Every structure is written in structure tokens, then in C-alpha cells.
PDB file of N, CA and C in Angstrom:
ATOM      1  N   MET A   1     -53.187   0.259 162.250  1.00  0.00           N
ATOM      2  CA  MET A   1     -53.373   0.490 160.865  1.00  0.00           C
ATOM      3  C   MET A   1     -52.297   0.999 160.001  1.00  0.00           C
ATOM      4  N   ASN A   2     -52.198   0.453 158.814  1.00  0.00           N
ATOM      5  CA  ASN A   2     -51.120   0.947 157.830  1.00  0.00           C
ATOM      6  C   ASN A   2     -49.833   0.876 158.634  1.00  0.00           C
ATOM      7  N   ASN A   3     -49.447   0.125 159.582  1.00  0.00           N
ATOM      8  CA  ASN A   3     -47.998  -0.058 160.133  1.00  0.00           C
ATOM      9  C   ASN A   3     -47.423  -1.044 159.218  1.00  0.00           C
ATOM     10  N   ASP A   4     -46.530  -0.743 158.592  1.00  0.00           N
ATOM     11  CA  ASP A   4     -45.756  -1.769 157.612  1.00  0.00           C
ATOM     12  C   ASP A   4     -44.966  -2.676 158.410  1.00  0.00           C
ATOM     13  N   GLU A   5     -44.542  -2.355 159.567  1.00  0.00           N
ATOM     14  CA  GLU A   5     -43.747  -3.289 160.445  1.00  0.00           C
ATOM     15  C   GLU A   5     -44.422  -4.266 161.230  1.00  0.00           C
ATOM     16  N   ASP A   6     -45.662  -4.162 161.509  1.00  0.00           N
ATOM     17  CA  ASP A   6     -46.379  -5.264 162.215  1.00  0.00           C
ATOM     18  C   ASP A   6     -46.883  -6.281 161.406  1.00  0.00           C
ATOM     19  N   THR A   7     -47.369  -7.315 161.979  1.00  0.00           N
ATOM     20  CA  THR A   7     -48.071  -8.548 161.131  1.00  0.00           C
ATOM     21  C   THR A   7     -49.570  -8.323 161.544  1.00  0.00           C
ATOM     22  N   ASP A   8     -50.389  -8.294 160.454  1.00  0.00           N
ATOM     23  CA  ASP A   8     -51.746  -8.237 160.457  1.00  0.00           C
ATOM     24  C   ASP A   8     -52.382  -9.545 160.868  1.00  0.00           C
ATOM     25  N   THR A   9     -53.312  -9.580 161.537  1.00  0.00           N
ATOM     26  CA  THR A   9     -54.003 -10.960 161.842  1.00  0.00           C
ATOM     27  C   THR A   9     -55.374 -11.140 161.301  1.00  0.00           C
ATOM     28  N   GLY A  10     -55.636 -10.158 160.460  1.00  0.00           N
ATOM     29  CA  GLY A  10     -56.967 -10.334 159.589  1.00  0.00           C
ATOM     30  C   GLY A  10     -57.219  -9.059 158.961  1.00  0.00           C
ATOM     31  N   TRP A  11     -58.171  -8.999 158.060  1.00  0.00           N
ATOM     32  CA  TRP A  11     -58.605  -7.958 157.236  1.00  0.00           C
ATOM     33  C   TRP A  11     -60.094  -8.159 156.855  1.00  0.00           C
ATOM     34  N   ILE A  12     -60.750  -6.990 156.622  1.00  0.00           N
ATOM     35  CA  ILE A  12     -62.132  -6.969 156.239  1.00  0.00           C
ATOM     36  C   ILE A  12     -62.381  -6.232 154.902  1.00  0.00           C
ATOM     37  N   VAL A  13     -63.172  -6.845 154.119  1.00  0.00           N
ATOM     38  CA  VAL A  13     -63.576  -6.400 152.845  1.00  0.00           C
ATOM     39  C   VAL A  13     -65.092  -5.970 152.895  1.00  0.00           C
ATOM     40  N   GLU A  14     -65.339  -4.704 152.492  1.00  0.00           N
ATOM     41  CA  GLU A  14     -66.897  -4.529 152.179  1.00  0.00           C
ATOM     42  C   GLU A  14     -66.953  -3.863 150.753  1.00  0.00           C
ATOM     43  N   THR A  15     -67.949  -4.411 150.029  1.00  0.00           N
ATOM     44  CA  THR A  15     -68.016  -3.929 148.671  1.00  0.00           C
ATOM     45  C   THR A  15     -69.664  -3.920 148.445  1.00  0.00           C
ATOM     46  N   ALA A  16     -69.682  -3.028 147.356  1.00  0.00           N
ATOM     47  CA  ALA A  16     -71.105  -2.932 146.868  1.00  0.00           C
ATOM     48  C   ALA A  16     -70.899  -3.169 145.331  1.00  0.00           C
ATOM     49  N   ILE A  17     -71.762  -3.971 144.794  1.00  0.00           N
ATOM     50  CA  ILE A  17     -71.708  -4.535 143.374  1.00  0.00           C
ATOM     51  C   ILE A  17     -73.035  -3.967 142.682  1.00  0.00           C
ATOM     52  N   ARG A  18     -72.894  -3.107 141.700  1.00  0.00           N
ATOM     53  CA  ARG A  18     -73.984  -2.709 140.968  1.00  0.00           C
ATOM     54  C   ARG A  18     -74.306  -3.718 139.886  1.00  0.00           C
ATOM     55  N   PHE A  19     -75.122  -4.820 140.181  1.00  0.00           N
ATOM     56  CA  PHE A  19     -75.158  -5.847 139.198  1.00  0.00           C
ATOM     57  C   PHE A  19     -75.563  -5.659 137.939  1.00  0.00           C
ATOM     58  N   SER A  20     -76.343  -4.518 137.614  1.00  0.00           N
ATOM     59  CA  SER A  20     -76.802  -4.004 136.425  1.00  0.00           C
ATOM     60  C   SER A  20     -75.633  -3.613 135.349  1.00  0.00           C
ATOM     61  N   ASP A  21     -74.404  -3.502 135.911  1.00  0.00           N
ATOM     62  CA  ASP A  21     -73.233  -3.227 135.270  1.00  0.00           C
ATOM     63  C   ASP A  21     -72.502  -4.454 134.633  1.00  0.00           C
ATOM     64  N   TYR A  22     -72.998  -5.599 135.042  1.00  0.00           N
ATOM     65  CA  TYR A  22     -72.489  -6.779 134.783  1.00  0.00           C
ATOM     66  C   TYR A  22     -73.313  -7.860 134.250  1.00  0.00           C
ATOM     67  N   PRO A  23     -74.129  -7.597 133.298  1.00  0.00           N
ATOM     68  CA  PRO A  23     -75.118  -8.662 132.976  1.00  0.00           C
ATOM     69  C   PRO A  23     -74.559  -9.834 132.461  1.00  0.00           C
ATOM     70  N   GLU A  24     -73.242  -9.932 132.135  1.00  0.00           N
ATOM     71  CA  GLU A  24     -72.625 -11.093 131.480  1.00  0.00           C
ATOM     72  C   GLU A  24     -72.156 -12.164 132.570  1.00  0.00           C
ATOM     73  N   LEU A  25     -72.337 -11.658 133.766  1.00  0.00           N
ATOM     74  CA  LEU A  25     -71.935 -12.537 134.888  1.00  0.00           C
ATOM     75  C   LEU A  25     -73.052 -13.525 135.265  1.00  0.00           C
ATOM     76  N   SER A  26     -74.341 -13.371 134.772  1.00  0.00           N
ATOM     77  CA  SER A  26     -75.360 -14.123 135.075  1.00  0.00           C
ATOM     78  C   SER A  26     -76.424 -13.968 134.098  1.00  0.00           C
ATOM     79  N   LYS A  27     -77.455 -14.929 133.851  1.00  0.00           N
ATOM     80  CA  LYS A  27     -78.339 -15.001 133.031  1.00  0.00           C
ATOM     81  C   LYS A  27     -79.376 -13.767 133.589  1.00  0.00           C
ATOM     82  N   ASN A  28     -79.486 -13.758 134.674  1.00  0.00           N
ATOM     83  CA  ASN A  28     -80.192 -12.530 135.457  1.00  0.00           C
ATOM     84  C   ASN A  28     -79.288 -11.566 136.028  1.00  0.00           C
ATOM     85  N   PRO A  29     -79.577 -10.367 135.641  1.00  0.00           N
ATOM     86  CA  PRO A  29     -78.679  -9.269 136.238  1.00  0.00           C
ATOM     87  C   PRO A  29     -78.545  -9.251 137.693  1.00  0.00           C
ATOM     88  N   ILE A  30     -79.594  -9.653 138.306  1.00  0.00           N
ATOM     89  CA  ILE A  30     -79.506  -9.659 139.916  1.00  0.00           C
ATOM     90  C   ILE A  30     -79.569 -11.203 140.303  1.00  0.00           C
ATOM     91  N   PRO A  31     -78.584 -11.709 141.071  1.00  0.00           N
ATOM     92  CA  PRO A  31     -78.529 -13.025 141.464  1.00  0.00           C
ATOM     93  C   PRO A  31     -79.786 -13.311 142.342  1.00  0.00           C
ATOM     94  N   ALA A  32     -80.221 -14.658 142.207  1.00  0.00           N
ATOM     95  CA  ALA A  32     -81.458 -15.090 142.780  1.00  0.00           C
ATOM     96  C   ALA A  32     -80.868 -15.843 144.118  1.00  0.00           C
ATOM     97  N   PRO A  33     -81.654 -15.874 145.043  1.00  0.00           N
ATOM     98  CA  PRO A  33     -81.205 -16.808 146.333  1.00  0.00           C
ATOM     99  C   PRO A  33     -80.979 -18.103 145.875  1.00  0.00           C
ATOM    100  N   GLY A  34     -79.842 -18.617 146.341  1.00  0.00           N
ATOM    101  CA  GLY A  34     -79.220 -19.816 146.122  1.00  0.00           C
ATOM    102  C   GLY A  34     -78.240 -19.825 145.067  1.00  0.00           C
ATOM    103  N   ASN A  35     -78.142 -18.745 144.159  1.00  0.00           N
ATOM    104  CA  ASN A  35     -77.037 -18.689 143.174  1.00  0.00           C
ATOM    105  C   ASN A  35     -75.782 -18.698 143.954  1.00  0.00           C
ATOM    106  N   ILE A  36     -74.769 -19.283 143.358  1.00  0.00           N
ATOM    107  CA  ILE A  36     -73.350 -19.428 143.826  1.00  0.00           C
ATOM    108  C   ILE A  36     -72.428 -18.773 142.805  1.00  0.00           C
ATOM    109  N   TRP A  37     -71.536 -17.953 143.238  1.00  0.00           N
ATOM    110  CA  TRP A  37     -70.622 -17.348 142.393  1.00  0.00           C
ATOM    111  C   TRP A  37     -69.321 -17.724 143.066  1.00  0.00           C
ATOM    112  N   GLN A  38     -68.237 -18.019 142.236  1.00  0.00           N
ATOM    113  CA  GLN A  38     -66.945 -18.204 142.807  1.00  0.00           C
ATOM    114  C   GLN A  38     -66.105 -16.761 142.640  1.00  0.00           C
ATOM    115  N   VAL A  39     -65.361 -16.536 143.846  1.00  0.00           N
ATOM    116  CA  VAL A  39     -64.862 -15.141 143.917  1.00  0.00           C
ATOM    117  C   VAL A  39     -63.461 -15.275 144.484  1.00  0.00           C
ATOM    118  N   GLY A  40     -62.596 -14.521 143.920  1.00  0.00           N
ATOM    119  CA  GLY A  40     -61.206 -14.546 144.502  1.00  0.00           C
ATOM    120  C   GLY A  40     -60.869 -13.180 145.167  1.00  0.00           C
ATOM    121  N   LEU A  41     -60.741 -13.156 146.323  1.00  0.00           N
ATOM    122  CA  LEU A  41     -60.444 -11.972 147.123  1.00  0.00           C
ATOM    123  C   LEU A  41     -58.983 -12.112 147.708  1.00  0.00           C
ATOM    124  N   HIS A  42     -58.148 -11.037 147.502  1.00  0.00           N
ATOM    125  CA  HIS A  42     -56.799 -11.254 147.756  1.00  0.00           C
ATOM    126  C   HIS A  42     -56.219 -10.058 148.448  1.00  0.00           C
ATOM    127  N   ARG A  43     -55.078 -10.023 149.157  1.00  0.00           N
ATOM    128  CA  ARG A  43     -54.535  -8.925 149.762  1.00  0.00           C
ATOM    129  C   ARG A  43     -53.031  -9.186 149.731  1.00  0.00           C
ATOM    130  N   CYS A  44     -52.365  -8.208 149.001  1.00  0.00           N
ATOM    131  CA  CYS A  44     -50.871  -8.300 149.013  1.00  0.00           C
ATOM    132  C   CYS A  44     -50.399  -6.918 149.525  1.00  0.00           C
ATOM    133  N   GLY A  45     -49.268  -6.828 150.180  1.00  0.00           N
ATOM    134  CA  GLY A  45     -48.818  -5.652 150.655  1.00  0.00           C
ATOM    135  C   GLY A  45     -47.626  -5.762 151.571  1.00  0.00           C
ATOM    136  N   GLY A  46     -47.169  -4.627 151.846  1.00  0.00           N
ATOM    137  CA  GLY A  46     -45.985  -4.570 152.853  1.00  0.00           C
ATOM    138  C   GLY A  46     -44.652  -4.360 152.038  1.00  0.00           C
ATOM    139  N   LYS A  47     -43.995  -3.355 152.514  1.00  0.00           N
ATOM    140  CA  LYS A  47     -42.734  -3.012 151.970  1.00  0.00           C
ATOM    141  C   LYS A  47     -41.575  -3.751 152.699  1.00  0.00           C
ATOM    142  N   THR A  48     -41.674  -3.772 154.055  1.00  0.00           N
ATOM    143  CA  THR A  48     -40.733  -4.289 154.838  1.00  0.00           C
ATOM    144  C   THR A  48     -41.168  -5.731 155.309  1.00  0.00           C
ATOM    145  N   ASN A  49     -42.386  -5.958 155.315  1.00  0.00           N
ATOM    146  CA  ASN A  49     -43.056  -7.264 155.825  1.00  0.00           C
ATOM    147  C   ASN A  49     -43.968  -7.640 154.585  1.00  0.00           C
ATOM    148  N   GLN A  50     -43.585  -8.454 153.752  1.00  0.00           N
ATOM    149  CA  GLN A  50     -44.456  -8.816 152.651  1.00  0.00           C
ATOM    150  C   GLN A  50     -45.517  -9.655 153.205  1.00  0.00           C
ATOM    151  N   GLN A  51     -46.768  -9.350 153.048  1.00  0.00           N
ATOM    152  CA  GLN A  51     -47.980  -9.890 153.416  1.00  0.00           C
ATOM    153  C   GLN A  51     -48.850 -10.347 152.352  1.00  0.00           C
ATOM    154  N   TYR A  52     -49.245 -11.592 152.437  1.00  0.00           N
ATOM    155  CA  TYR A  52     -50.150 -12.210 151.321  1.00  0.00           C
ATOM    156  C   TYR A  52     -51.169 -12.863 152.070  1.00  0.00           C
ATOM    157  N   SER A  53     -52.455 -12.660 151.743  1.00  0.00           N
ATOM    158  CA  SER A  53     -53.477 -13.410 152.252  1.00  0.00           C
ATOM    159  C   SER A  53     -54.562 -13.590 151.239  1.00  0.00           C
ATOM    160  N   GLN A  54     -55.264 -14.666 151.331  1.00  0.00           N
ATOM    161  CA  GLN A  54     -56.432 -14.908 150.446  1.00  0.00           C
ATOM    162  C   GLN A  54     -57.576 -15.360 151.225  1.00  0.00           C
ATOM    163  N   TRP A  55     -58.700 -14.934 150.771  1.00  0.00           N
ATOM    164  CA  TRP A  55     -59.954 -15.374 151.617  1.00  0.00           C
ATOM    165  C   TRP A  55     -60.203 -16.678 151.479  1.00  0.00           C
ATOM    166  N   SER A  56     -59.839 -17.514 150.375  1.00  0.00           N
ATOM    167  CA  SER A  56     -59.909 -18.856 150.193  1.00  0.00           C
ATOM    168  C   SER A  56     -58.408 -19.286 149.728  1.00  0.00           C
ATOM    169  N   PRO A  57     -57.612 -19.919 150.551  1.00  0.00           N
ATOM    170  CA  PRO A  57     -56.278 -19.870 150.081  1.00  0.00           C
ATOM    171  C   PRO A  57     -56.095 -20.850 148.921  1.00  0.00           C
ATOM    172  N   SER A  58     -55.101 -20.671 148.116  1.00  0.00           N
ATOM    173  CA  SER A  58     -54.569 -21.574 147.006  1.00  0.00           C
ATOM    174  C   SER A  58     -53.924 -22.686 147.689  1.00  0.00           C
ATOM    175  N   MET A  59     -54.068 -23.820 147.134  1.00  0.00           N
ATOM    176  CA  MET A  59     -53.192 -24.966 147.559  1.00  0.00           C
ATOM    177  C   MET A  59     -51.741 -25.175 146.880  1.00  0.00           C
ATOM    178  N   THR A  60     -51.142 -24.011 146.926  1.00  0.00           N
ATOM    179  CA  THR A  60     -49.861 -23.947 146.036  1.00  0.00           C
ATOM    180  C   THR A  60     -48.765 -23.649 147.109  1.00  0.00           C
ATOM    181  N   PRO A  61     -47.500 -23.983 146.935  1.00  0.00           N
ATOM    182  CA  PRO A  61     -46.492 -23.590 147.910  1.00  0.00           C
ATOM    183  C   PRO A  61     -46.244 -22.137 147.862  1.00  0.00           C
ATOM    184  N   GLN A  62     -46.493 -21.428 146.960  1.00  0.00           N
ATOM    185  CA  GLN A  62     -46.339 -19.948 146.875  1.00  0.00           C
ATOM    186  C   GLN A  62     -47.790 -19.349 146.723  1.00  0.00           C
ATOM    187  N   PRO A  63     -48.077 -18.121 147.196  1.00  0.00           N
ATOM    188  CA  PRO A  63     -49.280 -17.527 146.915  1.00  0.00           C
ATOM    189  C   PRO A  63     -49.565 -17.502 145.342  1.00  0.00           C
ATOM    190  N   ASN A  64     -50.974 -17.911 145.151  1.00  0.00           N
ATOM    191  CA  ASN A  64     -51.185 -17.998 143.633  1.00  0.00           C
ATOM    192  C   ASN A  64     -52.735 -17.350 143.524  1.00  0.00           C
ATOM    193  N   PHE A  65     -52.716 -16.114 142.961  1.00  0.00           N
ATOM    194  CA  PHE A  65     -54.086 -15.461 142.992  1.00  0.00           C
ATOM    195  C   PHE A  65     -54.842 -15.835 141.765  1.00  0.00           C
ATOM    196  N   HIS A  66     -54.340 -16.772 140.992  1.00  0.00           N
ATOM    197  CA  HIS A  66     -54.931 -16.849 139.580  1.00  0.00           C
ATOM    198  C   HIS A  66     -55.559 -18.308 139.334  1.00  0.00           C
ATOM    199  N   ARG A  67     -55.916 -18.942 140.304  1.00  0.00           N
ATOM    200  CA  ARG A  67     -56.330 -20.240 140.318  1.00  0.00           C
ATOM    201  C   ARG A  67     -57.915 -20.348 140.609  1.00  0.00           C
ATOM    202  N   PRO A  68     -58.650 -20.188 139.570  1.00  0.00           N
ATOM    203  CA  PRO A  68     -60.170 -20.099 139.884  1.00  0.00           C
ATOM    204  C   PRO A  68     -60.664 -21.317 140.680  1.00  0.00           C
ATOM    205  N   GLN A  69     -60.041 -22.580 140.589  1.00  0.00           N
ATOM    206  CA  GLN A  69     -60.463 -23.689 141.283  1.00  0.00           C
ATOM    207  C   GLN A  69     -60.223 -23.536 142.838  1.00  0.00           C
ATOM    208  N   ASP A  70     -59.411 -22.464 143.208  1.00  0.00           N
ATOM    209  CA  ASP A  70     -59.455 -22.241 144.603  1.00  0.00           C
ATOM    210  C   ASP A  70     -60.171 -20.943 145.096  1.00  0.00           C
ATOM    211  N   PHE A  71     -60.821 -20.488 144.240  1.00  0.00           N
ATOM    212  CA  PHE A  71     -61.692 -19.161 144.703  1.00  0.00           C
ATOM    213  C   PHE A  71     -62.628 -19.692 145.680  1.00  0.00           C
ATOM    214  N   GLY A  72     -63.060 -18.760 146.558  1.00  0.00           N
ATOM    215  CA  GLY A  72     -64.238 -19.103 147.526  1.00  0.00           C
ATOM    216  C   GLY A  72     -65.532 -18.967 146.927  1.00  0.00           C
ATOM    217  N   LYS A  73     -66.506 -19.276 147.493  1.00  0.00           N
ATOM    218  CA  LYS A  73     -67.960 -19.301 146.983  1.00  0.00           C
ATOM    219  C   LYS A  73     -68.748 -18.303 147.782  1.00  0.00           C
ATOM    220  N   ILE A  74     -69.434 -17.459 147.033  1.00  0.00           N
ATOM    221  CA  ILE A  74     -70.484 -16.564 147.607  1.00  0.00           C
ATOM    222  C   ILE A  74     -71.859 -17.109 147.339  1.00  0.00           C
ATOM    223  N   ILE A  75     -72.647 -17.445 148.246  1.00  0.00           N
ATOM    224  CA  ILE A  75     -73.935 -17.910 148.188  1.00  0.00           C
ATOM    225  C   ILE A  75     -74.955 -16.887 148.516  1.00  0.00           C
ATOM    226  N   PHE A  76     -75.868 -16.584 147.507  1.00  0.00           N
ATOM    227  CA  PHE A  76     -76.879 -15.364 147.675  1.00  0.00           C
ATOM    228  C   PHE A  76     -77.910 -15.839 148.464  1.00  0.00           C
ATOM    229  N   SER A  77     -78.448 -15.020 149.157  1.00  0.00           N
ATOM    230  CA  SER A  77     -79.589 -15.295 150.193  1.00  0.00           C
ATOM    231  C   SER A  77     -80.530 -14.258 150.223  1.00  0.00           C
ATOM    232  N   ALA A  78     -81.759 -14.541 150.302  1.00  0.00           N
ATOM    233  CA  ALA A  78     -82.784 -13.441 150.310  1.00  0.00           C
ATOM    234  C   ALA A  78     -83.158 -13.036 151.959  1.00  0.00           C
ATOM    235  N   GLU A  79     -82.406 -13.950 152.849  1.00  0.00           N
ATOM    236  CA  GLU A  79     -82.572 -13.691 154.297  1.00  0.00           C
ATOM    237  C   GLU A  79     -81.229 -13.149 154.762  1.00  0.00           C
ATOM    238  N   PRO A  80     -81.276 -12.318 155.771  1.00  0.00           N
ATOM    239  CA  PRO A  80     -80.214 -11.746 156.354  1.00  0.00           C
ATOM    240  C   PRO A  80     -79.240 -12.876 156.915  1.00  0.00           C
ATOM    241  N   VAL A  81     -77.827 -12.813 156.726  1.00  0.00           N
ATOM    242  CA  VAL A  81     -77.113 -13.771 157.290  1.00  0.00           C
ATOM    243  C   VAL A  81     -76.066 -13.098 158.114  1.00  0.00           C
ATOM    244  N   ARG A  82     -75.921 -13.651 159.413  1.00  0.00           N
ATOM    245  CA  ARG A  82     -75.042 -12.890 160.453  1.00  0.00           C
ATOM    246  C   ARG A  82     -74.047 -13.887 160.803  1.00  0.00           C
TER     247      ARG A  82
END
């Protein structure tokens, strides 16, 4: 962990979103089951070994984190998903 000289094989993101803080993101402040949001999750890092990864890769020769058409999708569910 945090070893800048190795090559990471994966990464994990865990987040909590207080939906009431972002009412402009949805007609309803809390997403309903079946709602789909497009989300861009990215990781850049490394001083000696530049590492770029995207949850949903862009279809560009170089990493490009600013292409909404390449963002992944989050599908909300009322049922636990494992």
C-alpha cells in the first residue's frame, strides 16, 4: 500500500453520498430503484510509476477523464446487490 514503485492491480472506492445536498442531480432528492446515473471514477497517481485507471475506461489513446460518454453507470436498487 502506498508503495510508489510497485504496480497496482486494482483499487477500491467506497463512498457515501448525502443525496439531500444535491437536489439538482435528480427530480427526487433520493434516487428510486431503477434510476441510472452516469459516474466517472478515476485514479491518477505515482511519482516514479505513473498510474492511471478508470472504473469505465475512455476509448481514447491517452487517459481522458473528461468524457461523459465514457462514464460508467450506477443503477440504483432497493435490493442488496453482491
